[in-house]
Amino acid sequence: MSSIQEVLVARDKASQKYEGARHLLQVTLPMVNDPKLLLGVIGNMSASLEYSMDAILIYERLLRLIPNYNSDFESRFNLFRYKSVRRNKIPAEIVHVMSELRYILEMHKKSPIEFQRGNRFVICDKDYAMKIVSLNEIKKQLEHTKIMLDLTTTLTSKYF
């Protein structure tokens, strides 16, 4: 697959994951009213942001603005954070949201206990340090995900 196609595929996947997160948050969650769905929203937002990041990195690699990089998340994220964010004037909040969503998903995988408290979902680690995931927090993160998606589309459509 050519690099141009890889950029377009990553951009389309980012858009699909965003739409999945938006639908879960705005349509499914109010009907079902189960805070556990917030984890599905977080997973889709994280995937959308990661695909957007990949589209930008592939695009910049195509233009030879960045060197070759490893395919693991940490390498890609660090290259994105230190090179692409500043060059493309991507807001720092988006980088923070990306790391926060990744942290929540990792904590969810490793957590021995999770429970609901009202409209919030609480994740505890082995030392019972809690991470509370609320609906308002997720809505703000969804807005940042949309901003990143729009930036990705704008940045990667300059030359094709």
N, C-alpha and C. Protein backbone atom coordinates (compact mmCIF):
# COMPACT_ATOMS: atom_id res chain seq x y z
N MET A 1 0.85 -1.17 0.00
CA MET A 1 0.00 0.00 0.00
C MET A 1 0.90 1.24 0.00
N SER A 2 0.58 2.20 -0.82
CA SER A 2 1.39 3.41 -0.86
C SER A 2 1.14 4.26 0.38
N SER A 3 2.03 5.16 0.64
CA SER A 3 1.93 5.99 1.83
C SER A 3 0.71 6.91 1.79
N ILE A 4 0.36 7.36 0.60
CA ILE A 4 -0.82 8.22 0.47
C ILE A 4 -2.06 7.44 0.88
N GLN A 5 -2.16 6.20 0.43
CA GLN A 5 -3.30 5.37 0.82
C GLN A 5 -3.29 5.10 2.32
N GLU A 6 -2.12 4.91 2.91
CA GLU A 6 -2.03 4.68 4.35
C GLU A 6 -2.55 5.88 5.12
N VAL A 7 -2.22 7.08 4.65
CA VAL A 7 -2.72 8.30 5.30
C VAL A 7 -4.24 8.34 5.22
N LEU A 8 -4.78 8.07 4.05
CA LEU A 8 -6.23 8.13 3.86
C LEU A 8 -6.94 7.06 4.68
N VAL A 9 -6.37 5.85 4.74
CA VAL A 9 -6.97 4.77 5.52
C VAL A 9 -6.96 5.12 7.00
N ALA A 10 -5.82 5.64 7.50
CA ALA A 10 -5.73 6.02 8.91
C ALA A 10 -6.72 7.13 9.23
N ARG A 11 -6.86 8.09 8.32
CA ARG A 11 -7.80 9.19 8.53
C ARG A 11 -9.24 8.69 8.56
N ASP A 12 -9.58 7.75 7.67
CA ASP A 12 -10.93 7.18 7.65
C ASP A 12 -11.23 6.37 8.90
N LYS A 13 -10.25 5.58 9.34
CA LYS A 13 -10.44 4.80 10.57
C LYS A 13 -10.61 5.72 11.77
N ALA A 14 -9.86 6.82 11.81
CA ALA A 14 -10.00 7.78 12.90
C ALA A 14 -11.41 8.35 12.92
N SER A 15 -11.92 8.66 11.75
CA SER A 15 -13.28 9.20 11.64
C SER A 15 -14.33 8.18 12.08
N GLN A 16 -14.15 6.92 11.68
CA GLN A 16 -15.09 5.86 12.07
C GLN A 16 -15.10 5.66 13.58
N LYS A 17 -13.92 5.63 14.19
CA LYS A 17 -13.83 5.45 15.64
C LYS A 17 -14.44 6.63 16.38
N TYR A 18 -14.24 7.83 15.85
CA TYR A 18 -14.85 9.01 16.47
C TYR A 18 -16.37 8.90 16.41
N GLU A 19 -16.89 8.54 15.25
CA GLU A 19 -18.35 8.41 15.11
C GLU A 19 -18.90 7.34 16.04
N GLY A 20 -18.16 6.25 16.22
CA GLY A 20 -18.58 5.22 17.17
C GLY A 20 -18.63 5.75 18.59
N ALA A 21 -17.62 6.51 18.98
CA ALA A 21 -17.58 7.09 20.33
C ALA A 21 -18.72 8.09 20.51
N ARG A 22 -18.93 8.94 19.49
CA ARG A 22 -19.99 9.94 19.58
C ARG A 22 -21.36 9.28 19.70
N HIS A 23 -21.59 8.24 18.91
CA HIS A 23 -22.87 7.54 18.94
C HIS A 23 -23.09 6.87 20.29
N LEU A 24 -22.06 6.21 20.80
CA LEU A 24 -22.19 5.58 22.12
C LEU A 24 -22.52 6.61 23.19
N LEU A 25 -21.85 7.76 23.14
CA LEU A 25 -22.03 8.77 24.17
C LEU A 25 -23.35 9.51 24.05
N GLN A 26 -23.76 9.86 22.84
CA GLN A 26 -24.93 10.70 22.67
C GLN A 26 -26.23 9.95 22.42
N VAL A 27 -26.15 8.70 21.94
CA VAL A 27 -27.37 7.96 21.63
C VAL A 27 -27.55 6.77 22.56
N THR A 28 -26.55 5.90 22.62
CA THR A 28 -26.70 4.65 23.38
C THR A 28 -26.70 4.87 24.88
N LEU A 29 -25.75 5.66 25.38
CA LEU A 29 -25.63 5.87 26.83
C LEU A 29 -26.90 6.46 27.46
N PRO A 30 -27.52 7.49 26.87
CA PRO A 30 -28.76 8.00 27.47
C PRO A 30 -29.90 6.97 27.50
N MET A 31 -29.93 6.07 26.50
CA MET A 31 -30.99 5.06 26.47
C MET A 31 -30.75 3.96 27.50
N VAL A 32 -29.50 3.48 27.57
CA VAL A 32 -29.18 2.36 28.45
C VAL A 32 -28.87 2.83 29.86
N ASN A 33 -28.26 4.01 29.98
CA ASN A 33 -27.91 4.62 31.26
C ASN A 33 -26.99 3.71 32.09
N ASP A 34 -25.96 3.18 31.45
CA ASP A 34 -24.99 2.31 32.12
C ASP A 34 -23.60 2.95 31.99
N PRO A 35 -23.03 3.42 33.09
CA PRO A 35 -21.71 4.07 33.03
C PRO A 35 -20.59 3.18 32.50
N LYS A 36 -20.79 1.87 32.46
CA LYS A 36 -19.76 0.99 31.91
C LYS A 36 -19.55 1.25 30.42
N LEU A 37 -20.55 1.83 29.76
CA LEU A 37 -20.39 2.18 28.35
C LEU A 37 -19.34 3.26 28.15
N LEU A 38 -19.03 4.00 29.22
CA LEU A 38 -18.00 5.03 29.11
C LEU A 38 -16.66 4.43 28.70
N LEU A 39 -16.41 3.19 29.12
CA LEU A 39 -15.16 2.53 28.72
C LEU A 39 -15.13 2.28 27.21
N GLY A 40 -16.27 1.96 26.63
CA GLY A 40 -16.35 1.80 25.18
C GLY A 40 -16.11 3.12 24.46
N VAL A 41 -16.65 4.19 25.03
CA VAL A 41 -16.43 5.52 24.47
C VAL A 41 -14.95 5.87 24.54
N ILE A 42 -14.34 5.59 25.69
CA ILE A 42 -12.92 5.88 25.88
C ILE A 42 -12.07 5.08 24.90
N GLY A 43 -12.41 3.81 24.72
CA GLY A 43 -11.67 2.97 23.77
C GLY A 43 -11.75 3.50 22.35
N ASN A 44 -12.94 3.92 21.94
CA ASN A 44 -13.11 4.46 20.59
C ASN A 44 -12.40 5.80 20.42
N MET A 45 -12.47 6.66 21.44
CA MET A 45 -11.77 7.95 21.36
C MET A 45 -10.27 7.75 21.29
N SER A 46 -9.76 6.84 22.10
CA SER A 46 -8.33 6.57 22.11
C SER A 46 -7.88 6.04 20.74
N ALA A 47 -8.65 5.13 20.17
CA ALA A 47 -8.32 4.60 18.85
C ALA A 47 -8.39 5.69 17.78
N SER A 48 -9.38 6.57 17.89
CA SER A 48 -9.52 7.66 16.93
C SER A 48 -8.31 8.59 17.00
N LEU A 49 -7.91 8.94 18.21
CA LEU A 49 -6.75 9.82 18.37
C LEU A 49 -5.47 9.14 17.88
N GLU A 50 -5.36 7.84 18.12
CA GLU A 50 -4.17 7.12 17.67
C GLU A 50 -4.12 7.04 16.15
N TYR A 51 -5.26 6.78 15.50
CA TYR A 51 -5.29 6.76 14.04
C TYR A 51 -5.00 8.15 13.47
N SER A 52 -5.50 9.19 14.12
CA SER A 52 -5.21 10.55 13.67
C SER A 52 -3.72 10.84 13.77
N MET A 53 -3.13 10.44 14.89
CA MET A 53 -1.70 10.62 15.08
C MET A 53 -0.93 9.86 14.00
N ASP A 54 -1.35 8.63 13.72
CA ASP A 54 -0.69 7.83 12.69
C ASP A 54 -0.79 8.49 11.32
N ALA A 55 -1.95 9.04 11.01
CA ALA A 55 -2.13 9.71 9.72
C ALA A 55 -1.16 10.88 9.59
N ILE A 56 -1.03 11.66 10.65
CA ILE A 56 -0.11 12.80 10.62
C ILE A 56 1.34 12.33 10.50
N LEU A 57 1.69 11.30 11.27
CA LEU A 57 3.07 10.80 11.21
C LEU A 57 3.41 10.21 9.84
N ILE A 58 2.49 9.45 9.27
CA ILE A 58 2.73 8.88 7.93
C ILE A 58 2.87 10.00 6.90
N TYR A 59 2.01 11.00 7.03
CA TYR A 59 2.04 12.15 6.12
C TYR A 59 3.37 12.89 6.24
N GLU A 60 3.81 13.13 7.48
CA GLU A 60 5.08 13.84 7.67
C GLU A 60 6.27 12.99 7.24
N ARG A 61 6.16 11.69 7.39
CA ARG A 61 7.23 10.80 6.92
C ARG A 61 7.28 10.83 5.40
N LEU A 62 6.13 10.90 4.77
CA LEU A 62 6.06 10.99 3.32
C LEU A 62 6.74 12.27 2.82
N LEU A 63 6.59 13.35 3.58
CA LEU A 63 7.23 14.63 3.22
C LEU A 63 8.66 14.73 3.73
N ARG A 64 9.13 13.68 4.40
CA ARG A 64 10.48 13.60 4.97
C ARG A 64 10.73 14.67 6.03
N LEU A 65 9.71 14.98 6.80
CA LEU A 65 9.85 15.93 7.90
C LEU A 65 10.29 15.25 9.19
N ILE A 66 10.06 13.94 9.27
CA ILE A 66 10.46 13.17 10.45
C ILE A 66 11.23 11.93 10.00
N PRO A 67 12.07 11.38 10.88
CA PRO A 67 12.82 10.17 10.52
C PRO A 67 11.93 8.93 10.62
N ASN A 68 12.48 7.80 10.21
CA ASN A 68 11.78 6.53 10.41
C ASN A 68 11.57 6.32 11.90
N TYR A 69 10.51 5.60 12.24
CA TYR A 69 10.20 5.39 13.65
C TYR A 69 9.71 3.97 13.86
N ASN A 70 9.80 3.52 15.11
CA ASN A 70 9.32 2.18 15.46
C ASN A 70 7.80 2.16 15.46
N SER A 71 7.24 0.98 15.38
CA SER A 71 5.79 0.88 15.28
C SER A 71 5.10 0.80 16.64
N ASP A 72 5.87 0.77 17.75
CA ASP A 72 5.21 0.70 19.05
C ASP A 72 4.63 2.07 19.42
N PHE A 73 3.62 2.05 20.28
CA PHE A 73 2.89 3.27 20.61
C PHE A 73 3.79 4.33 21.22
N GLU A 74 4.64 3.95 22.16
CA GLU A 74 5.47 4.93 22.85
C GLU A 74 6.38 5.68 21.88
N SER A 75 6.98 4.99 20.95
CA SER A 75 7.86 5.65 19.97
C SER A 75 7.08 6.63 19.11
N ARG A 76 5.93 6.18 18.63
CA ARG A 76 5.11 7.04 17.78
C ARG A 76 4.60 8.25 18.56
N PHE A 77 4.15 8.00 19.80
CA PHE A 77 3.60 9.08 20.61
C PHE A 77 4.67 10.12 20.94
N ASN A 78 5.87 9.66 21.31
CA ASN A 78 6.95 10.61 21.63
C ASN A 78 7.37 11.42 20.41
N LEU A 79 7.48 10.78 19.27
CA LEU A 79 7.81 11.50 18.04
C LEU A 79 6.73 12.52 17.72
N PHE A 80 5.48 12.12 17.85
CA PHE A 80 4.36 13.02 17.61
C PHE A 80 4.40 14.20 18.58
N ARG A 81 4.59 13.90 19.86
CA ARG A 81 4.56 14.93 20.90
C ARG A 81 5.69 15.93 20.73
N TYR A 82 6.89 15.46 20.40
CA TYR A 82 8.04 16.35 20.36
C TYR A 82 8.29 16.99 19.00
N LYS A 83 7.79 16.43 17.94
CA LYS A 83 8.05 16.99 16.61
C LYS A 83 6.78 17.56 15.96
N SER A 84 5.75 16.75 15.86
CA SER A 84 4.57 17.12 15.07
C SER A 84 3.69 18.15 15.76
N VAL A 85 3.56 18.06 17.06
CA VAL A 85 2.65 18.96 17.78
C VAL A 85 3.07 20.41 17.60
N ARG A 86 4.34 20.68 17.80
CA ARG A 86 4.83 22.06 17.69
C ARG A 86 4.76 22.54 16.24
N ARG A 87 5.18 21.70 15.31
CA ARG A 87 5.21 22.10 13.90
C ARG A 87 3.81 22.42 13.38
N ASN A 88 2.82 21.63 13.78
CA ASN A 88 1.46 21.78 13.26
C ASN A 88 0.53 22.56 14.17
N LYS A 89 1.08 23.11 15.25
CA LYS A 89 0.31 23.93 16.20
C LYS A 89 -0.91 23.17 16.75
N ILE A 90 -0.67 21.92 17.13
CA ILE A 90 -1.71 21.10 17.74
C ILE A 90 -1.78 21.46 19.21
N PRO A 91 -2.97 21.74 19.75
CA PRO A 91 -3.08 22.14 21.16
C PRO A 91 -2.53 21.07 22.11
N ALA A 92 -1.88 21.54 23.17
CA ALA A 92 -1.28 20.64 24.16
C ALA A 92 -2.35 19.81 24.87
N GLU A 93 -3.58 20.32 24.94
CA GLU A 93 -4.66 19.59 25.60
C GLU A 93 -4.92 18.26 24.89
N ILE A 94 -4.74 18.23 23.60
CA ILE A 94 -4.99 17.01 22.84
C ILE A 94 -3.97 15.94 23.23
N VAL A 95 -2.72 16.34 23.39
CA VAL A 95 -1.68 15.39 23.82
C VAL A 95 -2.01 14.89 25.22
N HIS A 96 -2.48 15.79 26.07
CA HIS A 96 -2.86 15.39 27.43
C HIS A 96 -4.04 14.41 27.40
N VAL A 97 -5.02 14.68 26.56
CA VAL A 97 -6.18 13.78 26.44
C VAL A 97 -5.73 12.41 25.93
N MET A 98 -4.82 12.38 24.98
CA MET A 98 -4.33 11.10 24.45
C MET A 98 -3.68 10.28 25.56
N SER A 99 -2.82 10.92 26.35
CA SER A 99 -2.15 10.17 27.41
C SER A 99 -3.12 9.79 28.52
N GLU A 100 -4.08 10.64 28.81
CA GLU A 100 -5.08 10.35 29.85
C GLU A 100 -5.96 9.16 29.45
N LEU A 101 -6.42 9.14 28.22
CA LEU A 101 -7.24 8.03 27.75
C LEU A 101 -6.45 6.73 27.75
N ARG A 102 -5.21 6.80 27.33
CA ARG A 102 -4.35 5.62 27.34
C ARG A 102 -4.15 5.11 28.77
N TYR A 103 -3.97 6.05 29.71
CA TYR A 103 -3.79 5.70 31.12
C TYR A 103 -5.05 5.01 31.67
N ILE A 104 -6.22 5.54 31.34
CA ILE A 104 -7.47 4.95 31.82
C ILE A 104 -7.64 3.54 31.28
N LEU A 105 -7.34 3.33 30.00
CA LEU A 105 -7.47 1.99 29.41
C LEU A 105 -6.48 1.01 30.04
N GLU A 106 -5.26 1.46 30.28
CA GLU A 106 -4.27 0.58 30.93
C GLU A 106 -4.70 0.26 32.36
N MET A 107 -5.20 1.26 33.07
CA MET A 107 -5.66 1.05 34.44
C MET A 107 -6.84 0.08 34.46
N HIS A 108 -7.73 0.21 33.48
CA HIS A 108 -8.88 -0.69 33.39
C HIS A 108 -8.43 -2.14 33.19
N LYS A 109 -7.42 -2.35 32.34
CA LYS A 109 -6.94 -3.71 32.09
C LYS A 109 -6.34 -4.33 33.34
N LYS A 110 -5.65 -3.52 34.14
CA LYS A 110 -4.93 -4.04 35.30
C LYS A 110 -5.72 -3.98 36.60
N SER A 111 -6.86 -3.34 36.59
CA SER A 111 -7.57 -3.09 37.85
C SER A 111 -8.24 -4.34 38.40
N PRO A 112 -8.12 -4.55 39.70
CA PRO A 112 -8.80 -5.69 40.32
C PRO A 112 -10.28 -5.41 40.61
N ILE A 113 -10.64 -4.12 40.71
CA ILE A 113 -12.03 -3.79 41.04
C ILE A 113 -12.47 -2.53 40.31
N GLU A 114 -13.70 -2.57 39.83
CA GLU A 114 -14.34 -1.44 39.17
C GLU A 114 -15.80 -1.42 39.60
N PHE A 115 -16.34 -0.22 39.76
CA PHE A 115 -17.74 -0.14 40.14
C PHE A 115 -18.33 1.19 39.69
N GLN A 116 -19.65 1.26 39.74
CA GLN A 116 -20.39 2.46 39.37
C GLN A 116 -20.75 3.23 40.63
N ARG A 117 -20.72 4.53 40.51
CA ARG A 117 -21.21 5.38 41.59
C ARG A 117 -21.98 6.51 40.91
N GLY A 118 -23.28 6.41 40.90
CA GLY A 118 -24.11 7.39 40.20
C GLY A 118 -23.87 7.30 38.71
N ASN A 119 -23.57 8.44 38.10
CA ASN A 119 -23.28 8.48 36.66
C ASN A 119 -21.79 8.36 36.38
N ARG A 120 -21.03 7.95 37.37
CA ARG A 120 -19.58 7.85 37.20
C ARG A 120 -19.15 6.39 37.27
N PHE A 121 -18.01 6.13 36.68
CA PHE A 121 -17.42 4.80 36.70
C PHE A 121 -16.09 4.92 37.42
N VAL A 122 -15.89 4.09 38.44
CA VAL A 122 -14.70 4.18 39.29
C VAL A 122 -13.81 2.96 39.02
N ILE A 123 -12.55 3.23 38.75
CA ILE A 123 -11.56 2.17 38.52
C ILE A 123 -10.53 2.27 39.63
N CYS A 124 -10.27 1.15 40.30
CA CYS A 124 -9.28 1.11 41.38
C CYS A 124 -8.09 0.25 40.97
N ASP A 125 -6.89 0.69 41.36
CA ASP A 125 -5.73 -0.16 41.11
C ASP A 125 -5.48 -1.06 42.31
N LYS A 126 -4.38 -1.81 42.29
CA LYS A 126 -4.14 -2.78 43.36
C LYS A 126 -3.92 -2.12 44.71
N ASP A 127 -3.51 -0.85 44.73
CA ASP A 127 -3.34 -0.11 45.98
C ASP A 127 -4.59 0.71 46.32
N TYR A 128 -5.66 0.51 45.57
CA TYR A 128 -6.94 1.18 45.71
C TYR A 128 -6.86 2.69 45.50
N ALA A 129 -5.93 3.11 44.67
CA ALA A 129 -5.95 4.48 44.18
C ALA A 129 -7.04 4.51 43.11
N MET A 130 -7.94 5.48 43.22
CA MET A 130 -9.11 5.49 42.34
C MET A 130 -8.95 6.47 41.18
N LYS A 131 -9.50 6.09 40.06
CA LYS A 131 -9.65 6.96 38.91
C LYS A 131 -11.13 7.01 38.60
N ILE A 132 -11.70 8.18 38.70
CA ILE A 132 -13.14 8.35 38.47
C ILE A 132 -13.35 8.89 37.06
N VAL A 133 -14.17 8.19 36.30
CA VAL A 133 -14.49 8.58 34.93
C VAL A 133 -15.92 9.11 34.94
N SER A 134 -16.06 10.41 34.62
CA SER A 134 -17.39 11.02 34.64
C SER A 134 -17.84 11.37 33.23
N LEU A 135 -19.13 11.55 33.10
CA LEU A 135 -19.73 11.86 31.81
C LEU A 135 -19.24 13.21 31.28
N ASN A 136 -19.16 14.22 32.15
CA ASN A 136 -18.71 15.55 31.72
C ASN A 136 -17.27 15.53 31.23
N GLU A 137 -16.42 14.77 31.92
CA GLU A 137 -15.02 14.64 31.52
C GLU A 137 -14.93 14.00 30.13
N ILE A 138 -15.72 12.98 29.91
CA ILE A 138 -15.70 12.28 28.62
C ILE A 138 -16.21 13.18 27.50
N LYS A 139 -17.22 14.00 27.79
CA LYS A 139 -17.74 14.92 26.77
C LYS A 139 -16.67 15.93 26.34
N LYS A 140 -15.90 16.44 27.31
CA LYS A 140 -14.82 17.37 26.98
C LYS A 140 -13.75 16.67 26.15
N GLN A 141 -13.44 15.43 26.50
CA GLN A 141 -12.43 14.69 25.75
C GLN A 141 -12.92 14.38 24.34
N LEU A 142 -14.22 14.16 24.19
CA LEU A 142 -14.78 13.93 22.85
C LEU A 142 -14.64 15.18 21.98
N GLU A 143 -14.82 16.36 22.60
CA GLU A 143 -14.63 17.61 21.86
C GLU A 143 -13.18 17.74 21.38
N HIS A 144 -12.23 17.40 22.24
CA HIS A 144 -10.82 17.45 21.85
C HIS A 144 -10.52 16.43 20.75
N THR A 145 -11.18 15.28 20.81
CA THR A 145 -11.00 14.28 19.76
C THR A 145 -11.49 14.81 18.42
N LYS A 146 -12.61 15.52 18.43
CA LYS A 146 -13.14 16.12 17.21
C LYS A 146 -12.19 17.18 16.67
N ILE A 147 -11.61 17.98 17.56
CA ILE A 147 -10.64 18.99 17.14
C ILE A 147 -9.45 18.33 16.46
N MET A 148 -8.96 17.25 17.06
CA MET A 148 -7.82 16.52 16.49
C MET A 148 -8.18 15.93 15.13
N LEU A 149 -9.38 15.40 15.01
CA LEU A 149 -9.83 14.83 13.74
C LEU A 149 -9.88 15.91 12.65
N ASP A 150 -10.41 17.07 13.00
CA ASP A 150 -10.47 18.18 12.04
C ASP A 150 -9.07 18.66 11.65
N LEU A 151 -8.17 18.74 12.64
CA LEU A 151 -6.79 19.14 12.35
C LEU A 151 -6.11 18.13 11.43
N THR A 152 -6.35 16.86 11.69
CA THR A 152 -5.76 15.80 10.86
C THR A 152 -6.24 15.92 9.42
N THR A 153 -7.53 16.13 9.25
CA THR A 153 -8.08 16.28 7.90
C THR A 153 -7.48 17.50 7.21
N THR A 154 -7.38 18.61 7.92
CA THR A 154 -6.82 19.83 7.35
C THR A 154 -5.35 19.65 6.98
N LEU A 155 -4.58 19.07 7.90
CA LEU A 155 -3.14 18.92 7.66
C LEU A 155 -2.83 17.96 6.53
N THR A 156 -3.54 16.84 6.49
CA THR A 156 -3.20 15.80 5.52
C THR A 156 -3.85 16.01 4.16
N SER A 157 -4.71 16.99 4.02
CA SER A 157 -5.35 17.20 2.72
C SER A 157 -4.70 18.35 1.94
N LYS A 158 -3.57 18.85 2.41
CA LYS A 158 -2.91 19.96 1.72
C LYS A 158 -2.38 19.55 0.34
N TYR A 159 -1.85 18.34 0.25
CA TYR A 159 -1.19 17.93 -0.99
C TYR A 159 -1.93 16.85 -1.76
N PHE A 160 -3.03 16.33 -1.21
CA PHE A 160 -3.81 15.35 -1.95
C PHE A 160 -5.21 15.30 -1.44
